[in-house]
Protein backbone atom coordinates (compact mmCIF):
# COMPACT_ATOMS: atom_id res chain seq x y z
CA MET A 1 -31.56 -8.78 -56.90
CA SER A 2 -33.29 -9.47 -53.43
CA LEU A 3 -35.21 -12.42 -52.11
CA PRO A 4 -38.71 -10.69 -51.75
CA ALA A 5 -38.25 -8.85 -55.26
CA ILE A 6 -37.28 -13.10 -55.81
CA SER A 7 -40.51 -13.14 -54.55
CA LYS A 8 -42.66 -10.76 -56.06
CA HIS A 9 -42.22 -12.09 -59.93
CA LEU A 10 -42.70 -15.37 -59.57
CA LYS A 11 -45.52 -14.46 -57.14
CA VAL A 12 -46.68 -12.31 -61.09
CA LEU A 13 -45.84 -15.48 -63.11
CA GLU A 14 -47.83 -17.64 -60.50
CA LYS A 15 -51.18 -15.48 -61.17
CA ALA A 16 -50.34 -15.22 -64.99
CA GLY A 17 -50.63 -18.97 -64.96
CA LEU A 18 -46.90 -19.25 -66.51
CA ILE A 19 -45.00 -21.44 -63.46
CA CYS A 20 -47.13 -23.12 -60.61
CA ARG A 21 -45.31 -23.75 -57.00
CA ARG A 22 -45.50 -26.46 -55.04
CA ARG A 23 -44.60 -26.67 -51.91
CA ASN A 24 -42.20 -28.99 -49.66
CA GLY A 25 -42.12 -27.68 -46.20
CA ARG A 26 -39.77 -25.05 -46.85
CA VAL A 27 -38.35 -25.98 -50.41
CA HIS A 28 -40.87 -24.09 -53.21
CA ARG A 29 -40.32 -26.14 -56.61
CA MET A 30 -41.34 -24.06 -59.69
CA LYS A 31 -43.22 -26.04 -62.67
CA LEU A 32 -42.10 -23.75 -66.27
CA GLU A 33 -46.19 -23.62 -67.92
CA ALA A 34 -45.34 -23.96 -71.03
CA ALA A 35 -48.57 -23.94 -72.25
CA PRO A 36 -49.73 -20.36 -72.18
CA MET A 37 -46.64 -19.23 -74.41
CA ARG A 38 -46.85 -21.11 -77.22
CA GLU A 39 -50.59 -19.92 -76.83
CA ALA A 40 -49.44 -16.04 -76.87
CA SER A 41 -46.82 -16.89 -79.77
CA GLN A 42 -49.38 -18.30 -81.90
CA TRP A 43 -51.65 -14.80 -81.41
CA ILE A 44 -48.15 -12.85 -82.05
CA GLU A 45 -47.93 -14.61 -84.82
CA GLU A 46 -50.97 -14.17 -86.13
CA TYR A 47 -51.08 -10.60 -86.21
CA ARG A 48 -47.38 -10.24 -87.08
CA ARG A 49 -47.74 -11.84 -90.43
CA PHE A 50 -51.38 -9.42 -90.86
CA TRP A 51 -49.30 -5.92 -89.89
CA GLU A 52 -46.41 -7.13 -92.43
CA GLU A 53 -49.03 -7.82 -95.21
CA SER A 54 -51.32 -4.25 -94.09
CA PHE A 55 -47.94 -2.87 -94.80
CA ASP A 56 -46.58 -4.98 -97.97
CA ARG A 57 -50.17 -3.63 -99.57
CA LEU A 58 -49.65 0.09 -98.27
CA GLY A 59 -46.23 -0.18 -99.92
CA GLU A 60 -47.41 -1.08 -103.01
CA TYR A 61 -50.49 1.24 -102.89
CA LEU A 62 -47.69 4.20 -102.25
CA LYS A 63 -45.81 2.81 -105.54
CA GLU A 64 -48.90 3.26 -107.79
CA LEU A 65 -49.72 6.62 -106.93
CA GLN A 66 -45.96 7.99 -106.85
CA ALA A 67 -45.92 6.53 -110.46
CA LYS A 68 -48.95 8.04 -111.10
CA GLU A 69 -47.94 11.38 -110.60
CA PRO A 70 -47.43 14.38 -113.19
CA LYS A 71 -44.22 14.87 -112.92
CA PRO A 72 -42.27 18.45 -113.39
CA GLU A 73 -40.89 20.28 -116.09
CA LYS A 74 -37.49 20.99 -115.91
CA SER A 75 -36.61 24.30 -117.37
């Protein structure tokens, strides 16, 4: 990976608030800002639970519908 590509990726992370940059002359120090990642992880977890519960309810509903269907007669 080239230095300009690395710099571009770091700028994206910095703009997103995931890292902070300190400069001391030509030396750049980066520090991970974990709080935004924790917030995103919590949000994702809430929606994961929501969708899992929704799909579970849908699965139960489909099972009920199948159980209510009349069985085809055998000839």
